[in-house]
Amino acid sequence: LQEPVDIESVTIRFSASIGITIRKPQDQRSLPELLRDADAAMYRAKGRGPGRTAFHR
């Protein structure tokens, strides 16, 4: 993602923000709850700028 891509004489730069949550064996969260937590972490990462990650704790 760090390297720019040239398409028809136009340079395009990509970035990604990633939100991560981890489910431990004793964790009782459902799949929708895990996705909600990962989504919230992703938006925290986006708020920090391009190309960042954030963990839900």
C-alpha atoms as a PDB file:
ATOM      1  CA  LEU A   1       0.000   0.000   0.000  1.00  0.00           C
ATOM      2  CA  GLN A   2       2.935   2.344   0.384  1.00  0.00           C
ATOM      3  CA  GLU A   3       3.893   2.329  -3.302  1.00  0.00           C
ATOM      4  CA  PRO A   4       1.884   4.624  -5.590  1.00  0.00           C
ATOM      5  CA  VAL A   5       0.188   3.084  -8.634  1.00  0.00           C
ATOM      6  CA  ASP A   6       0.231   4.758 -12.058  1.00  0.00           C
ATOM      7  CA  ILE A   7      -2.934   4.240 -14.113  1.00  0.00           C
ATOM      8  CA  GLU A   8      -3.228   6.027 -17.439  1.00  0.00           C
ATOM      9  CA  SER A   9      -0.714   8.717 -16.420  1.00  0.00           C
ATOM     10  CA  VAL A  10      -2.458   9.302 -13.080  1.00  0.00           C
ATOM     11  CA  THR A  11      -0.635   8.465  -9.851  1.00  0.00           C
ATOM     12  CA  ILE A  12      -2.881   6.957  -7.191  1.00  0.00           C
ATOM     13  CA  ARG A  13      -1.843   6.475  -3.569  1.00  0.00           C
ATOM     14  CA  PHE A  14      -3.689   4.033  -1.337  1.00  0.00           C
ATOM     15  CA  SER A  15      -3.860   3.812   2.434  1.00  0.00           C
ATOM     16  CA  ALA A  16      -5.731   1.595   4.855  1.00  0.00           C
ATOM     17  CA  SER A  17      -6.905   2.024   8.422  1.00  0.00           C
ATOM     18  CA  ILE A  18      -7.464  -1.196  10.344  1.00  0.00           C
ATOM     19  CA  GLY A  19      -9.464  -1.897  13.499  1.00  0.00           C
ATOM     20  CA  ILE A  20      -8.653  -5.076  15.408  1.00  0.00           C
ATOM     21  CA  THR A  21     -10.438  -6.922  18.170  1.00  0.00           C
ATOM     22  CA  ILE A  22      -9.396 -10.251  19.674  1.00  0.00           C
ATOM     23  CA  ARG A  23     -11.728 -12.912  21.029  1.00  0.00           C
ATOM     24  CA  LYS A  24     -10.272 -14.904  23.909  1.00  0.00           C
ATOM     25  CA  PRO A  25     -11.708 -18.328  24.851  1.00  0.00           C
ATOM     26  CA  GLN A  26     -13.511 -16.904  27.904  1.00  0.00           C
ATOM     27  CA  ASP A  27     -14.940 -14.000  25.860  1.00  0.00           C
ATOM     28  CA  GLN A  28     -18.743 -14.133  25.637  1.00  0.00           C
ATOM     29  CA  ARG A  29     -19.170 -11.534  22.865  1.00  0.00           C
ATOM     30  CA  SER A  30     -21.239 -12.590  19.864  1.00  0.00           C
ATOM     31  CA  LEU A  31     -20.064 -12.181  16.270  1.00  0.00           C
ATOM     32  CA  PRO A  32     -22.108  -8.976  15.799  1.00  0.00           C
ATOM     33  CA  GLU A  33     -20.535  -7.564  18.982  1.00  0.00           C
ATOM     34  CA  LEU A  34     -17.030  -8.472  17.779  1.00  0.00           C
ATOM     35  CA  LEU A  35     -17.701  -6.775  14.445  1.00  0.00           C
ATOM     36  CA  ARG A  36     -19.055  -3.691  16.231  1.00  0.00           C
ATOM     37  CA  ASP A  37     -15.918  -3.488  18.382  1.00  0.00           C
ATOM     38  CA  ALA A  38     -13.611  -3.942  15.369  1.00  0.00           C
ATOM     39  CA  ASP A  39     -15.565  -1.267  13.502  1.00  0.00           C
ATOM     40  CA  ALA A  40     -15.214   1.163  16.419  1.00  0.00           C
ATOM     41  CA  ALA A  41     -11.463   0.478  16.501  1.00  0.00           C
ATOM     42  CA  MET A  42     -11.247   1.104  12.747  1.00  0.00           C
ATOM     43  CA  TYR A  43     -12.857   4.531  13.145  1.00  0.00           C
ATOM     44  CA  ARG A  44     -10.403   5.352  15.955  1.00  0.00           C
ATOM     45  CA  ALA A  45      -7.570   4.360  13.578  1.00  0.00           C
ATOM     46  CA  LYS A  46      -9.019   6.557  10.813  1.00  0.00           C
ATOM     47  CA  GLY A  47      -9.162   9.468  13.254  1.00  0.00           C
ATOM     48  CA  ARG A  48      -5.413   9.126  13.848  1.00  0.00           C
ATOM     49  CA  GLY A  49      -4.637   9.562  10.158  1.00  0.00           C
ATOM     50  CA  PRO A  50      -4.042   7.396   7.102  1.00  0.00           C
ATOM     51  CA  GLY A  51      -2.361   4.020   7.391  1.00  0.00           C
ATOM     52  CA  ARG A  52      -2.992   3.511  11.118  1.00  0.00           C
ATOM     53  CA  THR A  53      -4.228   0.625  13.249  1.00  0.00           C
ATOM     54  CA  ALA A  54      -6.179   0.537  16.504  1.00  0.00           C
ATOM     55  CA  PHE A  55      -7.032  -2.284  18.894  1.00  0.00           C
ATOM     56  CA  HIS A  56     -10.295  -2.631  20.776  1.00  0.00           C
ATOM     57  CA  ARG A  57      -9.581  -3.533  24.387  1.00  0.00           C
END
